[in-house]
Protein backbone atom coordinates (compact mmCIF):
# COMPACT_ATOMS: atom_id res chain seq x y z
CA MET A 1 48.69 -31.87 -0.71
CA THR A 2 46.59 -30.98 -3.74
CA ALA A 3 43.55 -28.89 -2.85
CA THR A 4 41.02 -31.13 -4.57
CA GLY A 5 38.32 -32.35 -2.24
CA ARG A 6 34.79 -31.81 -1.07
CA PHE A 7 35.88 -29.41 1.66
CA VAL A 8 38.26 -27.08 -0.18
CA GLY A 9 37.90 -23.57 1.22
CA GLN A 10 35.99 -24.74 4.30
CA VAL A 11 36.97 -24.58 7.96
CA ALA A 12 36.36 -27.51 10.31
CA PHE A 13 36.32 -27.28 14.11
CA ILE A 14 36.83 -30.58 15.95
CA THR A 15 36.65 -31.18 19.69
CA GLY A 16 38.48 -34.15 21.16
CA ALA A 17 40.89 -33.99 18.21
CA SER A 18 43.93 -35.31 20.08
CA SER A 19 43.30 -39.02 19.42
CA GLY A 20 41.03 -41.69 17.99
CA ILE A 21 38.15 -40.71 15.73
CA GLY A 22 38.76 -36.99 16.29
CA ALA A 23 42.35 -37.14 15.05
CA ALA A 24 41.35 -39.37 12.12
CA LEU A 25 38.61 -36.92 11.15
CA ALA A 26 41.12 -34.08 11.20
CA ARG A 27 43.39 -36.01 8.84
CA GLU A 28 40.56 -36.89 6.48
CA LEU A 29 39.06 -33.40 6.38
CA SER A 30 42.49 -31.88 5.83
CA ARG A 31 43.12 -34.39 3.04
CA GLN A 32 39.89 -33.22 1.43
CA GLY A 33 40.93 -29.58 1.53
CA ALA A 34 39.55 -28.22 4.80
CA ALA A 35 41.49 -26.02 7.19
CA VAL A 36 41.13 -27.60 10.62
CA ALA A 37 40.96 -26.20 14.14
CA LEU A 38 42.10 -28.90 16.56
CA ALA A 39 40.57 -28.51 20.02
CA ALA A 40 41.34 -30.69 23.05
CA ARG A 41 43.13 -30.69 26.40
CA ARG A 42 46.29 -32.61 25.40
CA VAL A 43 48.25 -29.88 23.62
CA ASP A 44 51.32 -32.03 22.92
CA ARG A 45 49.24 -34.45 20.87
CA LEU A 46 47.48 -31.62 19.05
CA GLU A 47 50.80 -30.01 18.17
CA ALA A 48 52.11 -33.29 16.75
CA LEU A 49 48.95 -33.77 14.69
CA ALA A 50 48.99 -30.18 13.43
CA ALA A 51 52.65 -30.55 12.39
CA GLU A 52 51.77 -33.73 10.49
CA LEU A 53 48.90 -32.00 8.65
CA ARG A 54 51.08 -29.01 7.77
CA ARG A 55 53.82 -31.27 6.43
CA ASP A 56 51.22 -32.71 4.08
CA GLY A 57 50.27 -29.23 2.88
CA GLY A 58 47.25 -28.63 5.10
CA ARG A 59 46.27 -25.73 7.33
CA ALA A 60 45.80 -26.49 11.01
CA ILE A 61 45.77 -24.64 14.30
CA VAL A 62 45.90 -25.92 17.87
CA ILE A 63 43.48 -24.69 20.53
CA THR A 64 43.58 -25.78 24.16
CA CYS A 65 40.01 -26.47 25.14
CA ASP A 66 38.03 -28.30 27.83
CA VAL A 67 34.42 -28.86 26.80
CA THR A 68 33.32 -29.08 30.45
CA ARG A 69 34.36 -25.48 31.20
CA ASP A 70 32.00 -22.62 30.50
CA GLY A 71 33.58 -20.10 28.15
CA ASP A 72 36.25 -22.40 26.71
CA LEU A 73 34.29 -23.17 23.54
CA GLU A 74 33.46 -19.52 22.89
CA ARG A 75 37.14 -18.63 23.18
CA ALA A 76 38.15 -21.60 21.02
CA SER A 77 35.66 -20.84 18.26
CA ALA A 78 36.72 -17.19 18.22
CA THR A 79 40.35 -18.25 17.85
CA ALA A 80 39.44 -20.57 14.97
CA ARG A 81 37.45 -17.82 13.24
CA GLU A 82 40.25 -15.28 13.57
CA ALA A 83 42.93 -17.66 12.33
CA LEU A 84 41.10 -19.58 9.61
CA GLY A 85 37.78 -17.87 8.87
CA PRO A 86 34.13 -18.74 9.62
CA VAL A 87 33.61 -22.36 10.59
CA SER A 88 31.43 -24.45 8.27
CA VAL A 89 31.90 -27.94 9.77
CA VAL A 90 31.69 -28.49 13.52
CA ILE A 91 32.27 -31.95 14.98
CA ALA A 92 31.35 -32.37 18.65
CA ASN A 93 33.55 -35.40 19.20
CA ALA A 94 34.94 -35.01 22.75
CA GLY A 95 33.68 -37.72 25.05
CA PHE A 96 34.50 -40.67 27.32
CA GLY A 97 32.65 -43.52 29.02
CA VAL A 98 31.76 -44.05 32.68
CA VAL A 99 31.30 -47.76 33.38
CA GLY A 100 29.93 -49.88 36.20
CA PRO A 101 26.54 -51.00 37.55
CA VAL A 102 24.33 -48.17 38.77
CA ALA A 103 24.42 -49.48 42.36
CA GLY A 104 28.19 -49.02 42.40
CA LEU A 105 28.18 -45.49 40.96
CA THR A 106 27.34 -42.09 42.41
CA LEU A 107 25.45 -39.05 41.18
CA ASP A 108 28.81 -37.38 40.61
CA ASP A 109 29.74 -40.16 38.17
CA PHE A 110 26.62 -39.41 36.15
CA ARG A 111 27.20 -35.64 36.36
CA ARG A 112 30.78 -36.08 35.15
CA GLN A 113 29.57 -38.18 32.23
CA PHE A 114 26.92 -35.66 31.20
CA GLU A 115 29.22 -32.65 31.58
CA THR A 116 31.45 -33.99 28.82
CA ASN A 117 29.18 -36.06 26.59
CA VAL A 118 26.02 -33.92 26.69
CA PHE A 119 26.73 -30.43 27.99
CA GLY A 120 30.04 -30.44 26.10
CA VAL A 121 28.04 -30.95 22.89
CA LEU A 122 25.68 -28.13 23.81
CA ARG A 123 28.56 -25.78 24.65
CA THR A 124 30.07 -26.58 21.26
CA LEU A 125 26.79 -25.86 19.51
CA TYR A 126 26.16 -22.53 21.23
CA ALA A 127 29.73 -21.38 20.57
CA THR A 128 29.60 -22.10 16.82
CA LEU A 129 25.94 -21.57 15.91
CA LEU A 130 26.34 -18.10 14.39
CA ASP A 131 29.24 -19.29 12.22
CA LEU A 132 27.25 -22.30 11.03
CA GLU A 133 24.30 -20.09 10.16
CA ARG A 134 26.55 -17.74 8.24
CA THR A 135 28.20 -20.57 6.28
CA ARG A 136 25.09 -22.80 6.06
CA GLY A 137 27.31 -25.47 7.51
CA VAL A 138 26.98 -28.83 9.26
CA PHE A 139 26.94 -29.66 12.97
CA ALA A 140 28.02 -33.26 13.57
CA ILE A 141 27.56 -35.06 16.89
CA LEU A 142 29.45 -38.18 17.94
CA GLY A 143 26.82 -40.49 19.32
CA SER A 144 27.16 -44.25 19.62
CA VAL A 145 25.38 -47.53 19.03
CA SER A 146 25.06 -47.32 22.83
CA GLY A 147 22.67 -44.45 22.16
CA HIS A 148 20.31 -47.02 20.68
CA ILE A 149 20.87 -49.97 23.01
CA GLY A 150 21.47 -49.93 26.76
CA VAL A 151 23.41 -52.82 28.28
CA PRO A 152 24.40 -53.68 31.87
CA GLY A 153 27.37 -51.75 33.19
CA SER A 154 27.09 -48.79 30.82
CA ALA A 155 24.07 -46.81 32.03
CA PRO A 156 25.85 -43.41 32.30
CA TYR A 157 27.42 -43.69 28.86
CA SER A 158 24.26 -44.99 27.20
CA MET A 159 22.16 -42.30 28.87
CA SER A 160 24.49 -39.61 27.54
CA LYS A 161 24.39 -41.03 24.02
CA PHE A 162 20.60 -41.47 24.09
CA ALA A 163 20.45 -37.80 25.10
CA VAL A 164 22.57 -36.52 22.21
CA ARG A 165 20.58 -38.68 19.79
CA ALA A 166 17.44 -36.88 20.96
CA LEU A 167 19.26 -33.57 20.66
CA ALA A 168 20.29 -34.34 17.09
CA GLN A 169 16.72 -35.26 16.12
CA SER A 170 15.34 -32.02 17.53
CA LEU A 171 18.12 -29.89 16.06
CA ARG A 172 17.51 -31.21 12.55
CA TYR A 173 14.05 -29.66 12.56
CA GLU A 174 15.09 -26.48 14.34
CA LEU A 175 18.20 -25.70 12.30
CA ALA A 176 17.04 -26.75 8.83
CA PRO A 177 15.24 -23.39 8.21
CA ARG A 178 18.55 -21.67 9.01
CA GLY A 179 20.39 -23.73 6.41
CA ILE A 180 22.34 -25.82 8.93
CA GLY A 181 22.64 -29.58 8.54
CA VAL A 182 22.85 -31.92 11.53
CA THR A 183 24.55 -35.31 11.33
CA LEU A 184 24.49 -37.88 14.13
CA ILE A 185 27.37 -40.34 14.01
CA SER A 186 26.71 -43.62 15.81
CA PRO A 187 29.82 -45.82 15.82
CA GLY A 188 30.02 -49.39 16.98
CA TYR A 189 33.46 -50.68 17.94
CA VAL A 190 36.12 -48.40 16.43
CA GLU A 191 39.79 -48.20 17.39
CA SER A 192 40.03 -45.52 20.09
CA GLU A 193 41.28 -44.84 23.59
CA ILE A 194 37.85 -44.87 25.22
CA HIS A 195 38.55 -48.23 26.91
CA GLN A 196 41.72 -46.75 28.39
CA VAL A 197 40.02 -43.85 30.17
CA ASP A 198 38.63 -44.40 33.65
CA ASN A 199 35.50 -42.95 35.26
CA GLN A 200 37.42 -39.85 36.34
CA GLY A 201 38.57 -39.17 32.78
CA VAL A 202 42.14 -40.31 33.50
CA TYR A 203 44.01 -42.03 30.65
CA HIS A 204 45.60 -45.44 31.34
CA PRO A 205 47.79 -46.30 28.33
CA GLU A 206 48.67 -49.72 29.73
CA THR A 207 45.05 -50.93 29.56
CA ARG A 208 44.25 -53.22 26.67
CA SER A 209 40.86 -53.22 24.99
CA VAL A 210 38.59 -56.14 25.85
CA ILE A 211 37.11 -55.94 22.34
CA PRO A 212 38.87 -58.33 19.91
CA GLY A 213 40.78 -56.63 17.12
CA TRP A 214 38.80 -58.27 14.33
CA LEU A 215 35.64 -56.58 15.62
CA ARG A 216 37.12 -53.05 15.74
CA MET A 217 37.07 -50.79 12.68
CA SER A 218 40.17 -48.71 12.01
CA THR A 219 39.85 -44.98 12.65
CA PRO A 220 40.89 -43.97 9.08
CA ARG A 221 38.15 -46.15 7.60
CA ALA A 222 35.58 -44.80 10.07
CA ALA A 223 36.69 -41.24 9.33
CA ARG A 224 36.20 -41.71 5.59
CA GLN A 225 32.64 -42.91 6.13
CA ILE A 226 31.87 -40.11 8.57
CA VAL A 227 33.26 -37.35 6.35
CA ARG A 228 31.28 -38.72 3.40
CA ALA A 229 28.11 -38.58 5.50
CA ILE A 230 28.85 -35.00 6.58
CA ALA A 231 29.46 -33.97 2.96
CA ARG A 232 26.08 -35.45 2.02
CA ARG A 233 24.44 -33.85 5.07
CA ARG A 234 22.97 -37.17 6.16
CA GLY A 235 20.81 -37.21 9.26
CA GLU A 236 22.53 -40.20 10.83
CA ILE A 237 25.20 -42.72 9.98
CA VAL A 238 25.81 -45.93 11.92
CA ILE A 239 29.43 -47.08 11.65
CA THR A 240 30.54 -50.75 11.48
CA GLY A 241 28.61 -53.77 10.26
CA HIS A 242 27.90 -55.09 13.74
CA GLY A 243 26.71 -51.63 14.77
CA LYS A 244 24.26 -51.46 11.89
CA ALA A 245 22.99 -54.95 12.69
CA ALA A 246 22.51 -54.13 16.37
CA VAL A 247 20.59 -50.91 15.65
CA PHE A 248 18.42 -52.66 13.05
CA LEU A 249 17.54 -55.48 15.42
CA GLN A 250 16.85 -53.09 18.31
CA ARG A 251 14.45 -51.12 16.11
CA HIS A 252 12.59 -54.09 14.65
CA VAL A 253 12.92 -57.01 17.10
CA PRO A 254 13.92 -55.52 20.46
CA TRP A 255 12.81 -58.67 22.28
CA LEU A 256 15.51 -60.60 20.42
CA VAL A 257 18.20 -58.12 21.50
CA SER A 258 16.99 -58.32 25.10
CA PHE A 259 17.08 -62.10 24.97
CA ALA A 260 20.59 -62.12 23.51
CA ILE A 261 21.93 -59.69 26.13
CA SER A 262 20.40 -61.75 28.95
CA ARG A 263 21.64 -65.07 27.58
CA ALA A 264 25.13 -63.70 26.93
CA GLY A 265 25.41 -62.65 30.58
CA ILE A 266 26.82 -59.23 29.71
CA ARG A 267 27.99 -57.51 32.92
CA GLY A 268 30.00 -54.55 31.66
CA ARG A 269 33.67 -53.96 30.95
CA PRO A 270 36.27 -53.35 33.69
CA GLU A 271 37.12 -49.77 34.51
CA PRO A 272 40.70 -48.96 33.42
CA GLY A 273 43.11 -48.71 36.31
CA GLY A 274 42.30 -52.02 37.94
CA ARG A 275 38.79 -51.61 39.37
CA LEU A 276 36.06 -53.95 38.18
CA ALA A 277 32.76 -52.76 36.76
CA ASP A 278 30.80 -55.12 39.03
CA PRO A 279 31.11 -54.19 42.74
CA SER A 280 30.23 -57.74 43.79
CA ARG A 281 33.56 -58.81 42.27
CA GLN A 282 35.74 -56.14 43.92
């Protein structure tokens, strides 16, 4: 790999790097010259990804990390700093989606969702803030189009993504005087394993996505767009054409979005593992 890219000499720290957008971001940042710290729970996948990046001439380290555990991110960021140097790009990517109508869920379902998707982002921020200030780096948060539009059967997930969108907006003002950029990434349908993870966070590889393939953007393409936005220190980027259209319509003609959701009879996707999102159909 020739060290000619926008991120030569920089260190990137990525949570949830074992699959999907996180793994694609690691590949793209490494391709553009960054050393990458791969953080997630599935070490076997991280090791395979790190080996791939090293074969291509990149620098990568593997760090076992659970964003829901206090102290894990501090330990992980310290390991990254010691091995690679101060972190200048942090991507809070780890997340999953709890599905089902509110009446069929419990408070623990919502707590579990927020521990990963919201408090996991905050733990990542607190653990890397001093590095980012030192390097005048960028903190990127994986939001979602669901952070702009709530639909039936996805209240926990949408709530968590609305929350990190608010966090990103506040952080932009707070961190700008310290030289830190904040980028919110709001994908629509992108190839990932999120539809194969149940409400307990358990992976079901046999589950097929209910979203048609033609509507899903590939992770390499999404990663290229995201990395470009981070390099330009953009405030927010919405990924996929349908995602951009949905956010635009929600902002300017929300009544039309509400009408479309009602007329379409959207009820939520099934939870992987066999349970249905609607308890009236169980």
